[in-house]
Protein backbone atom coordinates (compact mmCIF):
# COMPACT_ATOMS: atom_id res chain seq x y z
CA MET A 1 112.86 100.34 146.15
CA THR A 2 113.53 104.06 146.43
CA ALA A 3 110.40 106.20 146.32
CA LEU A 4 110.02 108.72 143.55
CA PRO A 5 110.57 112.41 144.40
CA PHE A 6 106.93 113.23 143.64
CA GLY A 7 105.54 110.82 146.22
CA SER A 8 105.63 107.16 147.06
CA SER A 9 101.93 106.65 146.29
CA THR A 10 102.37 108.02 142.76
CA GLY A 11 105.46 105.90 142.30
CA GLU A 12 103.66 102.76 143.42
CA LEU A 13 100.79 103.51 141.04
CA LEU A 14 103.16 103.99 138.10
CA ARG A 15 104.95 100.75 138.98
CA SER A 16 101.75 98.74 139.44
CA ALA A 17 100.85 95.84 137.19
CA GLY A 18 97.28 97.15 136.92
CA LEU A 19 98.42 100.44 135.40
CA ALA A 20 100.79 98.58 133.07
CA ARG A 21 97.88 96.52 131.75
CA ALA A 22 95.60 99.55 131.43
CA PHE A 23 98.34 101.49 129.64
CA THR A 24 98.89 98.64 127.18
CA LEU A 25 95.20 98.23 126.40
CA THR A 26 94.65 101.97 126.00
CA THR A 27 97.70 102.44 123.78
CA ILE A 28 96.75 99.60 121.45
CA ALA A 29 93.14 100.83 121.25
CA ALA A 30 94.20 104.42 120.56
CA THR A 31 96.74 103.56 117.86
CA PHE A 32 94.56 101.06 115.99
CA GLY A 33 91.46 103.23 116.40
CA ALA A 34 93.27 106.28 115.03
CA PHE A 35 91.16 106.65 111.88
CA ALA A 36 87.85 106.54 113.74
CA ILE A 37 89.09 108.85 116.52
CA GLU A 38 90.33 111.46 114.03
CA ARG A 39 87.17 111.31 111.90
CA LEU A 40 84.78 111.52 114.86
CA THR A 41 86.64 113.94 117.17
CA GLY A 42 89.35 115.63 115.09
CA ARG A 43 93.10 115.53 114.65
CA VAL A 44 93.81 117.62 117.74
CA THR A 45 91.98 115.15 119.97
CA TYR A 46 93.97 112.23 118.62
CA VAL A 47 97.32 114.04 118.97
CA THR A 48 96.37 114.97 122.54
CA ILE A 49 95.61 111.33 123.35
CA ILE A 50 98.96 110.14 121.98
CA ALA A 51 100.82 112.97 123.74
CA GLY A 52 99.14 112.06 127.02
CA LEU A 53 100.06 108.40 126.59
CA CYS A 54 103.67 109.39 125.88
CA LEU A 55 103.79 111.45 129.09
CA LEU A 56 102.37 108.49 131.00
CA ALA A 57 104.91 106.20 129.34
CA GLY A 58 107.70 108.49 130.49
CA GLY A 59 106.36 108.43 134.05
CA ILE A 60 106.13 104.63 134.03
CA LEU A 61 109.69 104.26 132.77
CA ILE A 62 111.00 106.70 135.39
CA ALA A 63 109.13 104.84 138.13
CA ARG A 64 110.54 101.53 136.91
CA ARG A 65 114.04 102.87 136.22
CA ARG A 66 115.64 100.33 138.58
CA GLU A 67 114.12 97.51 136.52
CA LEU A 68 115.51 98.86 133.25
CA SER A 69 118.91 98.25 131.74
CA PRO A 70 120.42 100.91 129.45
CA LEU A 71 121.87 98.17 127.23
CA ARG A 72 118.52 96.43 126.83
CA PHE A 73 116.19 99.42 126.64
CA ALA A 74 115.90 99.48 122.84
CA PRO A 75 117.39 97.67 119.83
CA ILE A 76 120.37 99.64 118.52
CA SER A 77 119.13 99.20 114.94
CA VAL A 78 115.83 100.93 115.80
CA LEU A 79 117.62 103.84 117.49
CA VAL A 80 119.98 104.31 114.53
CA PHE A 81 117.08 104.35 112.05
CA ILE A 82 115.19 106.91 114.17
CA ALA A 83 118.35 109.03 114.42
CA TRP A 84 118.86 108.99 110.63
CA ALA A 85 115.21 109.93 110.06
CA GLY A 86 115.67 112.78 112.54
CA ALA A 87 118.81 113.99 110.78
CA SER A 88 116.90 114.17 107.49
CA VAL A 89 114.81 117.01 108.94
CA VAL A 90 117.80 119.26 108.21
CA TRP A 91 117.63 118.79 104.42
CA SER A 92 113.88 118.16 103.96
CA THR A 93 111.80 120.50 101.83
CA ASP A 94 109.71 121.57 104.85
CA SER A 95 111.59 121.24 108.15
CA ARG A 96 108.53 121.97 110.29
CA LYS A 97 106.35 119.25 108.81
CA SER A 98 109.28 116.87 108.60
CA LEU A 99 110.00 117.45 112.29
CA GLY A 100 106.37 116.67 113.05
CA GLY A 101 106.66 113.36 111.18
CA TRP A 102 109.83 112.49 113.08
CA VAL A 103 108.27 113.35 116.47
CA SER A 104 105.40 111.00 115.58
CA LEU A 105 107.93 108.27 114.71
CA LEU A 106 109.64 108.82 118.07
CA ALA A 107 106.36 108.92 120.01
CA PHE A 108 105.06 105.58 118.74
CA ALA A 109 108.48 104.02 119.29
CA LEU A 110 108.36 105.20 122.91
CA LEU A 111 104.91 103.68 123.39
CA ALA A 112 106.08 100.38 121.89
CA LEU A 113 109.23 100.23 124.03
CA THR A 114 107.24 100.97 127.17
CA ILE A 115 104.82 98.13 126.45
CA ALA A 116 107.76 95.81 125.74
CA HIS A 117 109.25 96.59 129.16
CA VAL A 118 106.10 96.39 131.30
CA ARG A 119 104.45 93.36 129.64
CA ASP A 120 105.88 89.99 128.65
CA THR A 121 105.03 88.24 125.38
CA LEU A 122 101.94 86.45 126.65
CA GLN A 123 100.56 89.56 128.34
CA THR A 124 101.20 91.63 125.21
CA ALA A 125 99.45 89.11 122.96
CA ARG A 126 96.52 88.89 125.40
CA ALA A 127 96.14 92.67 125.49
CA PHE A 128 96.31 92.87 121.71
CA GLY A 129 93.71 90.12 121.40
CA ASP A 130 91.34 91.82 123.86
CA VAL A 131 91.49 95.11 121.97
CA MET A 132 91.14 93.47 118.56
CA ARG A 133 87.98 91.63 119.66
CA TRP A 134 86.36 94.95 120.52
CA LEU A 135 87.55 96.87 117.46
CA LEU A 136 86.60 94.11 115.01
CA SER A 137 83.24 93.59 116.72
CA ILE A 138 82.56 97.34 116.47
CA SER A 139 83.59 97.23 112.80
CA LEU A 140 81.18 94.39 112.12
CA GLY A 141 78.41 96.21 114.00
CA VAL A 142 78.97 99.41 112.00
CA GLU A 143 78.90 97.48 108.73
CA ILE A 144 75.67 95.70 109.68
CA LEU A 145 74.06 98.96 110.83
CA PHE A 146 74.82 100.92 107.65
CA GLY A 147 74.92 98.04 105.17
CA ILE A 148 71.81 96.13 106.21
CA LEU A 149 69.65 98.00 108.76
CA LEU A 150 69.97 101.51 107.30
CA ASP A 151 71.21 100.41 103.85
CA MET A 152 73.22 103.57 103.25
CA PRO A 153 76.92 104.53 103.25
CA PHE A 154 78.49 106.31 106.23
CA SER A 155 80.90 108.69 104.56
CA LEU A 156 82.33 110.07 107.82
CA LEU A 157 84.01 106.71 108.50
CA GLY A 158 84.37 105.75 104.84
CA VAL A 159 81.90 102.87 105.23
CA GLN A 160 80.36 101.96 101.87
CA GLY A 161 77.62 99.81 103.40
CA ALA A 162 78.32 96.90 101.07
CA ILE A 163 78.25 94.02 103.57
CA ALA A 164 74.93 92.77 102.15
CA ASP A 165 76.76 92.27 98.85
CA LEU A 166 79.55 90.43 100.72
CA GLY A 167 81.93 93.36 100.55
CA PRO A 168 84.17 95.09 100.29
CA VAL A 169 83.88 96.31 103.88
CA GLN A 170 86.11 98.81 105.68
CA GLY A 171 84.92 98.73 109.29
CA ILE A 172 86.25 101.61 111.39
CA PHE A 173 89.72 101.51 109.80
CA GLY A 174 89.09 103.62 106.69
CA THR A 175 90.02 101.23 103.87
CA ARG A 176 89.47 97.60 103.02
CA ASN A 177 93.22 96.99 102.89
CA ALA A 178 93.64 98.36 106.43
CA LEU A 179 90.77 96.22 107.73
CA GLY A 180 92.12 93.12 106.00
CA PHE A 181 95.63 93.66 107.32
CA ILE A 182 94.45 94.27 110.89
CA ALA A 183 92.16 91.23 110.68
CA VAL A 184 95.15 89.05 109.75
CA LEU A 185 97.16 90.41 112.72
CA ALA A 186 94.17 89.67 114.95
CA LEU A 187 93.77 86.19 113.50
CA ILE A 188 97.40 85.35 114.33
CA THR A 189 96.82 86.54 117.89
CA PHE A 190 93.55 84.67 118.33
CA VAL A 191 95.11 81.39 117.16
CA VAL A 192 98.01 81.85 119.60
CA GLU A 193 95.48 82.53 122.38
CA TRP A 194 93.64 79.36 121.40
CA ARG A 195 96.79 77.24 121.40
CA THR A 196 97.92 78.58 124.79
CA SER A 197 94.43 78.24 126.35
CA SER A 198 94.68 81.88 127.39
CA VAL A 199 90.95 82.50 126.89
CA PRO A 200 87.88 80.20 126.98
CA THR A 201 87.50 77.96 123.94
CA GLY A 202 84.17 79.49 122.94
CA LEU A 203 85.64 82.99 122.94
CA SER A 204 88.60 81.77 120.89
CA ILE A 205 86.31 80.25 118.27
CA PHE A 206 84.21 83.43 118.09
CA SER A 207 87.38 85.54 117.72
CA VAL A 208 88.85 83.40 114.94
CA VAL A 209 85.55 83.38 113.01
CA LEU A 210 85.19 87.16 113.48
CA ALA A 211 88.71 87.97 112.22
CA GLY A 212 88.59 85.42 109.41
CA GLY A 213 85.15 86.57 108.26
CA LEU A 214 86.12 90.26 108.17
CA ALA A 215 89.36 89.43 106.36
CA ILE A 216 87.31 87.69 103.65
CA LEU A 217 84.66 90.43 103.52
CA SER A 218 87.35 93.09 103.12
CA ASP A 219 87.86 91.65 99.62
CA SER A 220 91.43 92.92 99.74
CA PRO A 221 93.80 91.19 97.29
CA THR A 222 96.71 91.88 99.64
CA VAL A 223 95.03 89.84 102.40
CA VAL A 224 95.24 86.70 100.25
CA VAL A 225 98.98 87.15 99.82
CA ILE A 226 99.62 88.00 103.50
CA ALA A 227 97.46 85.15 104.81
CA THR A 228 99.07 82.64 102.45
CA ILE A 229 102.63 83.60 103.43
CA VAL A 230 101.77 83.71 107.14
CA ALA A 231 100.24 80.22 106.83
CA LEU A 232 103.39 78.92 105.12
CA ALA A 233 105.54 80.60 107.79
CA THR A 234 103.43 78.93 110.48
CA LEU A 235 103.96 75.50 108.92
CA ALA A 236 107.69 76.14 108.61
CA LEU A 237 107.88 77.29 112.22
CA MET A 238 106.00 74.18 113.40
CA LEU A 239 108.53 72.04 111.53
CA MET A 240 111.42 73.88 113.21
CA ARG A 241 109.87 73.55 116.66
CA HIS A 242 109.49 69.78 116.29
CA ALA A 243 113.00 69.26 114.90
CA THR A 244 115.92 68.22 117.08
CA PRO A 245 118.70 70.74 117.81
CA THR A 246 121.01 68.93 115.40
CA GLN A 247 118.43 69.04 112.60
CA ARG A 248 117.59 72.75 112.92
CA PRO A 249 120.67 74.21 111.15
CA VAL A 250 120.02 72.09 108.06
CA LEU A 251 116.31 72.90 108.11
CA GLN A 252 117.00 76.62 108.54
CA THR A 253 119.37 76.60 105.56
CA SER A 254 116.89 74.64 103.45
CA LEU A 255 114.10 77.03 104.45
CA GLY A 256 116.21 80.02 103.42
CA ALA A 257 116.86 78.43 100.02
CA VAL A 258 113.15 77.70 99.56
CA VAL A 259 112.26 81.33 100.42
CA VAL A 260 114.75 82.68 97.89
CA LEU A 261 113.51 80.25 95.22
CA GLY A 262 109.90 81.15 96.03
CA LEU A 263 110.64 84.86 95.59
CA ILE A 264 112.25 84.20 92.21
CA VAL A 265 109.31 82.07 91.05
CA ALA A 266 106.80 84.64 92.32
CA TYR A 267 108.59 87.39 90.40
CA LEU A 268 108.74 85.38 87.18
CA ALA A 269 105.08 84.35 87.51
CA ARG A 270 103.88 87.75 88.72
CA ASN A 271 101.49 88.34 85.83
CA PRO A 272 99.53 85.06 86.24
CA ILE A 273 99.47 85.58 90.03
CA ILE A 274 98.14 89.13 89.66
CA ALA A 275 95.50 87.92 87.21
CA PHE A 276 94.46 85.11 89.58
CA LEU A 277 94.06 87.58 92.46
CA GLY A 278 92.09 89.97 90.27
CA ALA A 279 94.49 92.75 91.26
CA GLY A 280 95.54 93.90 87.80
CA SER A 281 94.32 97.47 88.18
CA ASP A 282 95.72 97.78 91.72
CA PHE A 283 99.13 96.51 90.65
CA SER A 284 99.18 98.72 87.58
CA THR A 285 98.53 101.75 89.79
CA ARG A 286 101.30 100.73 92.15
CA ALA A 287 103.77 100.03 89.34
CA ASP A 288 103.22 103.49 87.85
CA LEU A 289 103.64 105.06 91.29
CA TRP A 290 106.85 103.15 92.07
CA ASN A 291 108.40 104.02 88.70
CA THR A 292 107.69 107.69 89.30
CA ILE A 293 109.16 107.48 92.80
CA LEU A 294 112.37 106.00 91.39
CA ASP A 295 112.65 109.03 89.09
CA TYR A 296 112.61 111.30 92.15
CA VAL A 297 114.98 109.08 94.14
CA ARG A 298 117.71 109.79 91.56
CA PHE A 299 117.90 113.42 92.73
CA TYR A 300 118.90 112.47 96.31
CA PRO A 301 119.75 108.75 96.22
CA VAL A 302 121.68 108.49 99.50
CA GLN A 303 119.91 110.83 101.92
CA GLY A 304 116.42 111.09 100.40
CA TRP A 305 114.04 114.05 100.45
CA GLY A 306 113.53 114.10 104.22
CA TRP A 307 111.38 112.11 106.63
CA TYR A 308 107.63 112.79 106.74
CA GLY A 309 106.11 109.38 107.47
CA ALA A 310 102.64 109.76 105.98
CA TRP A 311 102.89 111.98 102.90
CA SER A 312 102.38 115.71 103.19
CA THR A 313 100.65 115.96 99.81
CA SER A 314 101.08 119.73 99.60
CA GLU A 315 104.88 119.43 99.77
CA PHE A 316 107.48 118.42 97.22
CA PRO A 317 108.27 115.70 96.10
CA PHE A 318 104.86 114.23 97.00
CA LEU A 319 103.04 117.04 95.22
CA GLY A 320 105.11 116.46 92.08
CA ILE A 321 104.55 112.70 92.14
CA ASN A 322 100.78 113.05 92.46
CA PHE A 323 100.71 115.75 89.80
CA ALA A 324 102.63 113.55 87.36
CA LEU A 325 100.22 110.67 87.96
CA THR A 326 97.08 112.84 88.32
CA GLU A 327 96.38 110.95 91.57
CA ARG A 328 96.09 111.79 95.29
CA HIS A 329 98.30 109.16 96.91
CA ALA A 330 98.98 109.56 100.65
CA SER A 331 101.85 107.07 100.61
CA ALA A 332 104.06 105.10 98.22
CA LEU A 333 101.80 102.03 98.72
CA ASN A 334 105.02 100.22 99.63
CA ALA A 335 106.96 100.84 102.84
CA TYR A 336 110.32 100.06 101.22
CA PHE A 337 109.81 102.53 98.37
CA ASP A 338 108.56 105.08 100.89
CA VAL A 339 111.71 104.74 103.02
CA LEU A 340 113.85 104.94 99.89
CA LEU A 341 112.13 108.16 98.78
CA GLN A 342 112.24 109.85 102.18
CA VAL A 343 115.60 108.81 103.66
CA GLY A 344 117.45 107.35 100.68
CA TRP A 345 119.38 104.14 100.17
CA LEU A 346 121.11 104.50 103.53
CA GLY A 347 117.77 104.80 105.28
CA LEU A 348 116.41 101.79 103.39
CA LEU A 349 119.46 99.76 104.43
CA LEU A 350 118.92 100.72 108.08
CA PHE A 351 115.21 99.87 107.84
CA LEU A 352 116.01 96.45 106.35
CA VAL A 353 118.51 95.86 109.17
CA VAL A 354 115.78 96.66 111.74
CA CYS A 355 113.37 94.22 110.06
CA GLY A 356 115.96 91.52 109.38
CA ILE A 357 117.45 91.43 112.88
CA ALA A 358 114.02 91.44 114.50
CA LEU A 359 112.77 88.59 112.29
CA VAL A 360 115.89 86.44 112.78
CA ARG A 361 115.82 86.91 116.55
CA GLY A 362 112.09 86.28 116.81
CA TRP A 363 112.26 83.23 114.56
CA SER A 364 115.20 81.74 116.47
CA GLU A 365 113.43 82.28 119.77
CA ALA A 366 110.19 80.69 118.55
CA SER A 367 112.10 77.72 117.07
CA THR A 368 113.70 76.75 120.37
CA ARG A 369 111.31 77.81 123.15
CA ARG A 370 108.66 75.42 124.40
CA SER A 371 105.67 77.75 124.67
CA VAL A 372 103.59 78.45 121.57
CA VAL A 373 103.27 82.08 122.66
CA TYR A 374 106.77 82.79 121.31
CA THR A 375 105.49 82.21 117.76
CA TRP A 376 103.41 85.41 118.05
CA THR A 377 106.34 87.78 117.51
CA PRO A 378 107.81 86.27 114.30
CA LEU A 379 104.40 85.67 112.72
CA ILE A 380 103.32 89.27 113.39
CA LEU A 381 106.64 90.39 111.88
CA VAL A 382 106.08 88.24 108.78
CA ALA A 383 102.65 89.83 108.30
CA LEU A 384 104.10 93.34 108.76
CA LEU A 385 106.96 92.80 106.31
CA VAL A 386 104.78 91.18 103.64
CA ASP A 387 102.16 93.91 103.91
CA SER A 388 104.97 96.46 103.54
CA MET A 389 105.24 95.40 99.91
CA PHE A 390 101.71 96.72 99.26
CA GLU A 391 101.14 99.45 101.86
CA SER A 392 103.18 101.84 104.02
CA PHE A 393 101.42 101.03 107.29
CA THR A 394 104.67 100.00 109.02
CA LEU A 395 106.14 103.52 108.79
CA HIS A 396 103.69 105.33 111.06
CA GLY A 397 100.96 104.79 113.61
CA TYR A 398 100.00 101.27 114.62
CA GLY A 399 102.22 99.60 111.99
CA TRP A 400 105.40 101.30 113.21
CA MET A 401 104.43 100.69 116.85
CA MET A 402 103.97 96.97 116.19
CA LEU A 403 107.29 96.76 114.32
CA VAL A 404 109.22 98.39 117.19
CA LEU A 405 107.32 96.32 119.76
CA CYS A 406 108.20 93.06 117.99
CA ALA A 407 111.82 94.17 117.51
CA ALA A 408 112.08 94.97 121.23
CA ARG A 409 110.41 91.70 122.25
CA ALA A 410 112.78 89.70 120.05
CA GLY A 411 115.78 91.68 121.30
CA HIS A 412 115.03 90.91 124.94
CA SER A 413 115.82 87.23 124.42
CA ARG A 414 118.22 87.08 121.48
CA SER A 415 120.85 89.78 121.59
CA TRP A 416 124.58 90.40 121.75
CA ARG A 417 123.79 92.05 125.08
CA ASP A 418 123.38 88.58 126.59
CA ARG A 419 127.17 88.30 126.55
CA VAL A 420 127.62 91.57 128.46
CA ARG A 421 127.80 91.18 132.21
CA GLU A 422 125.71 93.62 134.15
CA PRO A 423 123.63 93.60 137.35
CA ALA A 424 120.39 91.71 136.84
CA PRO A 425 117.48 94.17 136.71
CA VAL A 426 114.52 93.67 138.99
CA GLY A 427 111.77 91.96 136.99
CA PRO A 428 108.45 93.71 136.48
CA GLU A 429 105.63 92.77 138.78
CA LEU A 430 103.24 90.30 137.17
CA PRO A 431 99.57 90.16 138.00
CA SER A 432 98.37 87.12 139.87
CA GLY A 433 97.46 84.20 137.65
CA ILE A 434 100.08 84.93 134.99
CA GLN A 435 103.50 83.28 134.88
CA GLY A 436 106.30 84.73 132.75
CA GLY A 437 106.38 84.00 129.04
CA ASP A 438 105.82 80.25 129.27
CA GLY A 439 102.90 80.42 131.60
CA LYS A 440 99.21 80.68 130.88
CA ALA A 441 96.80 83.40 131.79
CA GLY A 442 94.69 82.65 134.78
């Protein structure tokens, strides 16, 4: 392989499997630990960390350029959505802040695509699981320290110190909804690790109990919905995986009909469901917010007000929405409404295409491949898309990174590009003890 212009030793380091693993672990830790990093060290420190990781990602991709295929580098749907969000900077109410939001969108997409190209599905899930064990353990430790030992809140991290009362707890993620959502993502990963025997059984049991316990202690009503739908998706996926190839088309069609029927029933029975979850006040707040957002969407229905990602609450229309509601919302509390407000109906359509294609590809792959590890991608996607109905996590930071990562992972195996003939790229070097996607970690 041709050495890089800046030295063969640097090139070998950037191509090494060890650096790929370290980059993946560091990126996941930095993105999911964003709230704690910003609160403890400041916004500038966090931006510097992400910028440094992006520079490293660029170096890794350049060093591995002979392994990469232009056709397979990124899903076209993701690139088109990013391009439309970038174009909206032109007509946004504050081009400078809008450009900053778009650069953030691009940066986390780059990090996700780099991970997708230097790690396979098993290695990605293992790295995610390793980081989640540390972050959730730290969260539990912080809650015990301030909720039991010191018995006082820790306002710097937003910890209420209520673990002795069985919640709600926030950990190091800022809100109970964020902790609950991340705990569900971790729980999916830990179960996949358990089923693939990727880690010792004792560690798997500890991890599952840790994630499940924190999800319960978060006392987040959205966690109940996400966990229930992920559990149903898991059962459906197990049924598909055990069906014969001739049975799968019928089962897939039946599953689609059941999903549509379930959505209709859930909508018609929304009031009893909300009452059962004890989320009446939360839903009322969201309903008022969404109705107000729709009023503002009517001004620019196709192109939206311009991309910002997380709301810039001092800018219009976010300032007007909060003023009308006498609230201080930092998002639409719904990723789909947020996309609609910021980049219009066209942007929402593109976002739905990104999510839909990724989910279909990931689901199809998991239904037909032998290894359980392939179920990780579609189940993570299900959790992301369901949570998007209650929060806007998937539009920035770790949520957006995970969405792009899953879309890229699904696109590597199920894509129209498979029908395009091109020279086979050189596969990435795998560390000893790990075999491709179907193997097990040593």
